[in-house]
Amino acid sequence: MTSLNSSTQKELFSTSAKPEIIVNPVTGDRMTILDASGENQGNYTKIRFDLPPGAKGSPLHYHTEMNETFTVLIPNPVVKTHL
């Protein structure tokens, strides 16, 4: 796994509008909407998820109308799958 340099991280988290932040008070998960699809002709939505240590994240799911891509920013994440 390679680390992202500071300019790449700035590009990932750049936003065209004021970000909207949503925090789950139970789990501590934080979602920051950086670019909503309404701001870019429906091309994409860019969201940053910050999960506290030990967080479970989203349950297993799939999408039929969109693609979902993740970029991991910490160097050595521990990922557990239950498939």
N, C-alpha and C. Protein backbone atom coordinates (compact mmCIF):
# COMPACT_ATOMS: atom_id res chain seq x y z
N MET A 1 0.84 -1.16 0.00
CA MET A 1 0.00 0.00 0.00
C MET A 1 0.89 1.23 0.00
N THR A 2 0.54 2.22 -0.78
CA THR A 2 1.33 3.44 -0.86
C THR A 2 0.63 4.56 -0.11
N SER A 3 1.41 5.48 0.42
CA SER A 3 0.86 6.64 1.12
C SER A 3 0.55 7.72 0.10
N LEU A 4 -0.48 8.50 0.39
CA LEU A 4 -0.83 9.61 -0.48
C LEU A 4 -0.05 10.85 -0.05
N ASN A 5 0.50 11.57 -1.02
CA ASN A 5 1.22 12.79 -0.68
C ASN A 5 0.22 13.91 -0.35
N SER A 6 0.71 15.01 0.18
CA SER A 6 -0.17 16.07 0.65
C SER A 6 -0.99 16.70 -0.48
N SER A 7 -0.43 16.81 -1.68
CA SER A 7 -1.21 17.41 -2.78
C SER A 7 -2.33 16.48 -3.21
N THR A 8 -2.09 15.17 -3.18
CA THR A 8 -3.15 14.22 -3.52
C THR A 8 -4.24 14.26 -2.47
N GLN A 9 -3.87 14.35 -1.20
CA GLN A 9 -4.87 14.43 -0.14
C GLN A 9 -5.69 15.71 -0.26
N LYS A 10 -5.05 16.84 -0.61
CA LYS A 10 -5.78 18.09 -0.80
C LYS A 10 -6.80 17.95 -1.92
N GLU A 11 -6.42 17.27 -3.00
CA GLU A 11 -7.33 17.07 -4.12
C GLU A 11 -8.51 16.19 -3.71
N LEU A 12 -8.23 15.14 -2.94
CA LEU A 12 -9.30 14.25 -2.49
C LEU A 12 -10.32 14.97 -1.62
N PHE A 13 -9.85 15.92 -0.81
CA PHE A 13 -10.73 16.57 0.14
C PHE A 13 -11.12 17.98 -0.25
N SER A 14 -10.81 18.38 -1.47
CA SER A 14 -11.24 19.70 -1.92
C SER A 14 -12.75 19.67 -2.11
N THR A 15 -13.35 20.80 -1.95
CA THR A 15 -14.80 20.89 -2.06
C THR A 15 -15.18 22.20 -2.71
N SER A 16 -16.28 22.18 -3.44
CA SER A 16 -16.71 23.39 -4.11
C SER A 16 -17.69 24.19 -3.26
N ALA A 17 -18.18 23.62 -2.20
CA ALA A 17 -19.14 24.29 -1.32
C ALA A 17 -18.77 23.98 0.12
N LYS A 18 -19.48 24.60 1.05
CA LYS A 18 -19.23 24.31 2.46
C LYS A 18 -19.64 22.86 2.73
N PRO A 19 -18.74 22.03 3.29
CA PRO A 19 -19.07 20.63 3.52
C PRO A 19 -20.16 20.49 4.58
N GLU A 20 -20.99 19.48 4.40
CA GLU A 20 -22.01 19.13 5.40
C GLU A 20 -21.47 17.96 6.21
N ILE A 21 -21.49 18.06 7.53
CA ILE A 21 -20.97 17.01 8.40
C ILE A 21 -22.11 16.37 9.16
N ILE A 22 -22.14 15.03 9.12
CA ILE A 22 -23.15 14.26 9.84
C ILE A 22 -22.42 13.30 10.76
N VAL A 23 -22.74 13.32 12.06
CA VAL A 23 -22.08 12.46 13.04
C VAL A 23 -23.12 11.54 13.66
N ASN A 24 -22.80 10.24 13.70
CA ASN A 24 -23.65 9.27 14.38
C ASN A 24 -23.29 9.34 15.86
N PRO A 25 -24.20 9.81 16.73
CA PRO A 25 -23.87 9.97 18.14
C PRO A 25 -23.65 8.65 18.88
N VAL A 26 -24.14 7.56 18.34
CA VAL A 26 -23.99 6.26 18.97
C VAL A 26 -22.64 5.63 18.64
N THR A 27 -22.26 5.62 17.36
CA THR A 27 -21.04 4.94 16.92
C THR A 27 -19.84 5.86 16.82
N GLY A 28 -20.06 7.17 16.69
CA GLY A 28 -18.96 8.11 16.51
C GLY A 28 -18.52 8.23 15.06
N ASP A 29 -19.14 7.47 14.14
CA ASP A 29 -18.82 7.58 12.72
C ASP A 29 -19.15 9.00 12.25
N ARG A 30 -18.27 9.56 11.41
CA ARG A 30 -18.49 10.91 10.90
C ARG A 30 -18.45 10.88 9.38
N MET A 31 -19.47 11.45 8.75
CA MET A 31 -19.55 11.54 7.30
C MET A 31 -19.53 13.02 6.92
N THR A 32 -18.61 13.38 6.03
CA THR A 32 -18.52 14.76 5.55
C THR A 32 -18.81 14.76 4.06
N ILE A 33 -19.88 15.41 3.66
CA ILE A 33 -20.23 15.50 2.24
C ILE A 33 -19.42 16.65 1.65
N LEU A 34 -18.44 16.30 0.81
CA LEU A 34 -17.55 17.29 0.22
C LEU A 34 -18.11 17.87 -1.07
N ASP A 35 -18.67 17.04 -1.91
CA ASP A 35 -19.32 17.48 -3.16
C ASP A 35 -20.58 16.66 -3.35
N ALA A 36 -21.71 17.31 -3.38
CA ALA A 36 -22.97 16.63 -3.63
C ALA A 36 -23.22 16.59 -5.14
N SER A 37 -23.93 15.57 -5.59
CA SER A 37 -24.15 15.41 -7.03
C SER A 37 -24.88 16.61 -7.64
N GLY A 38 -25.67 17.31 -6.86
CA GLY A 38 -26.37 18.49 -7.36
C GLY A 38 -25.45 19.65 -7.69
N GLU A 39 -24.20 19.57 -7.23
CA GLU A 39 -23.24 20.64 -7.47
C GLU A 39 -22.36 20.38 -8.69
N ASN A 40 -22.50 19.21 -9.34
CA ASN A 40 -21.62 18.87 -10.46
C ASN A 40 -22.37 18.12 -11.56
N GLN A 41 -23.56 18.55 -11.85
CA GLN A 41 -24.40 17.99 -12.92
C GLN A 41 -24.66 16.49 -12.71
N GLY A 42 -24.68 16.04 -11.47
CA GLY A 42 -25.00 14.65 -11.18
C GLY A 42 -23.91 13.65 -11.51
N ASN A 43 -22.68 14.13 -11.76
CA ASN A 43 -21.59 13.24 -12.15
C ASN A 43 -21.09 12.36 -11.01
N TYR A 44 -21.05 12.89 -9.80
CA TYR A 44 -20.52 12.12 -8.67
C TYR A 44 -20.92 12.80 -7.36
N THR A 45 -20.76 12.08 -6.28
CA THR A 45 -20.84 12.62 -4.93
C THR A 45 -19.56 12.21 -4.22
N LYS A 46 -18.90 13.16 -3.57
CA LYS A 46 -17.65 12.87 -2.86
C LYS A 46 -17.91 13.00 -1.36
N ILE A 47 -17.67 11.89 -0.63
CA ILE A 47 -17.94 11.85 0.80
C ILE A 47 -16.70 11.33 1.52
N ARG A 48 -16.37 11.94 2.64
CA ARG A 48 -15.28 11.44 3.48
C ARG A 48 -15.91 10.78 4.71
N PHE A 49 -15.48 9.55 5.00
CA PHE A 49 -15.92 8.85 6.20
C PHE A 49 -14.74 8.77 7.16
N ASP A 50 -14.97 9.17 8.39
CA ASP A 50 -13.98 9.01 9.45
C ASP A 50 -14.58 8.06 10.47
N LEU A 51 -13.90 6.94 10.68
CA LEU A 51 -14.39 5.92 11.61
C LEU A 51 -13.44 5.82 12.79
N PRO A 52 -13.98 5.78 14.01
CA PRO A 52 -13.12 5.63 15.18
C PRO A 52 -12.54 4.21 15.23
N PRO A 53 -11.46 4.00 15.97
CA PRO A 53 -10.89 2.66 16.09
C PRO A 53 -11.94 1.64 16.53
N GLY A 54 -11.94 0.49 15.88
CA GLY A 54 -12.90 -0.57 16.21
C GLY A 54 -14.27 -0.41 15.59
N ALA A 55 -14.45 0.64 14.78
CA ALA A 55 -15.76 0.88 14.17
C ALA A 55 -16.11 -0.23 13.19
N LYS A 56 -17.38 -0.51 13.07
CA LYS A 56 -17.84 -1.55 12.14
C LYS A 56 -18.08 -1.01 10.74
N GLY A 57 -18.34 0.28 10.60
CA GLY A 57 -18.60 0.84 9.28
C GLY A 57 -19.96 0.40 8.75
N SER A 58 -20.14 0.55 7.46
CA SER A 58 -21.41 0.18 6.83
C SER A 58 -21.57 -1.33 6.76
N PRO A 59 -22.80 -1.81 6.88
CA PRO A 59 -23.01 -3.24 6.71
C PRO A 59 -22.80 -3.64 5.25
N LEU A 60 -22.57 -4.92 5.02
CA LEU A 60 -22.39 -5.43 3.67
C LEU A 60 -23.60 -5.05 2.83
N HIS A 61 -23.35 -4.47 1.65
CA HIS A 61 -24.43 -4.04 0.76
C HIS A 61 -23.89 -3.89 -0.66
N TYR A 62 -24.79 -3.63 -1.60
CA TYR A 62 -24.38 -3.36 -2.97
C TYR A 62 -25.33 -2.34 -3.57
N HIS A 63 -24.90 -1.74 -4.69
CA HIS A 63 -25.68 -0.72 -5.38
C HIS A 63 -25.96 -1.20 -6.79
N THR A 64 -27.16 -0.96 -7.27
CA THR A 64 -27.51 -1.34 -8.64
C THR A 64 -27.48 -0.15 -9.60
N GLU A 65 -27.45 1.06 -9.07
CA GLU A 65 -27.53 2.26 -9.91
C GLU A 65 -26.28 3.13 -9.87
N MET A 66 -25.24 2.69 -9.16
CA MET A 66 -24.04 3.53 -9.03
C MET A 66 -22.84 2.67 -8.72
N ASN A 67 -21.65 3.25 -8.88
CA ASN A 67 -20.40 2.61 -8.48
C ASN A 67 -19.90 3.30 -7.22
N GLU A 68 -19.23 2.54 -6.37
CA GLU A 68 -18.70 3.08 -5.13
C GLU A 68 -17.21 2.76 -5.06
N THR A 69 -16.39 3.77 -4.80
CA THR A 69 -14.94 3.61 -4.73
C THR A 69 -14.44 4.16 -3.40
N PHE A 70 -13.47 3.48 -2.80
CA PHE A 70 -12.91 3.91 -1.53
C PHE A 70 -11.42 4.15 -1.68
N THR A 71 -10.91 5.18 -1.01
CA THR A 71 -9.49 5.43 -0.92
C THR A 71 -9.14 5.44 0.56
N VAL A 72 -8.28 4.53 0.98
CA VAL A 72 -7.88 4.43 2.39
C VAL A 72 -6.69 5.34 2.62
N LEU A 73 -6.78 6.20 3.64
CA LEU A 73 -5.75 7.21 3.85
C LEU A 73 -4.77 6.88 4.96
N ILE A 74 -5.06 5.88 5.78
CA ILE A 74 -4.10 5.52 6.82
C ILE A 74 -3.21 4.41 6.29
N PRO A 75 -1.95 4.35 6.70
CA PRO A 75 -0.99 3.44 6.07
C PRO A 75 -1.23 1.95 6.32
N ASN A 76 -1.72 1.55 7.48
CA ASN A 76 -1.86 0.13 7.77
C ASN A 76 -3.21 -0.17 8.42
N PRO A 77 -4.28 -0.05 7.67
CA PRO A 77 -5.59 -0.30 8.26
C PRO A 77 -5.78 -1.79 8.56
N VAL A 78 -6.58 -2.07 9.57
CA VAL A 78 -6.99 -3.46 9.86
C VAL A 78 -8.39 -3.60 9.34
N VAL A 79 -8.57 -4.47 8.37
CA VAL A 79 -9.87 -4.67 7.75
C VAL A 79 -10.32 -6.09 8.04
N LYS A 80 -11.52 -6.22 8.60
CA LYS A 80 -12.09 -7.52 8.89
C LYS A 80 -13.28 -7.72 7.99
N THR A 81 -13.34 -8.86 7.33
CA THR A 81 -14.49 -9.19 6.50
C THR A 81 -15.15 -10.43 7.05
N HIS A 82 -16.44 -10.52 6.88
CA HIS A 82 -17.21 -11.65 7.37
C HIS A 82 -18.05 -12.20 6.22
N LEU A 83 -17.41 -12.73 5.23
CA LEU A 83 -18.12 -13.26 4.07
C LEU A 83 -18.23 -14.76 4.15
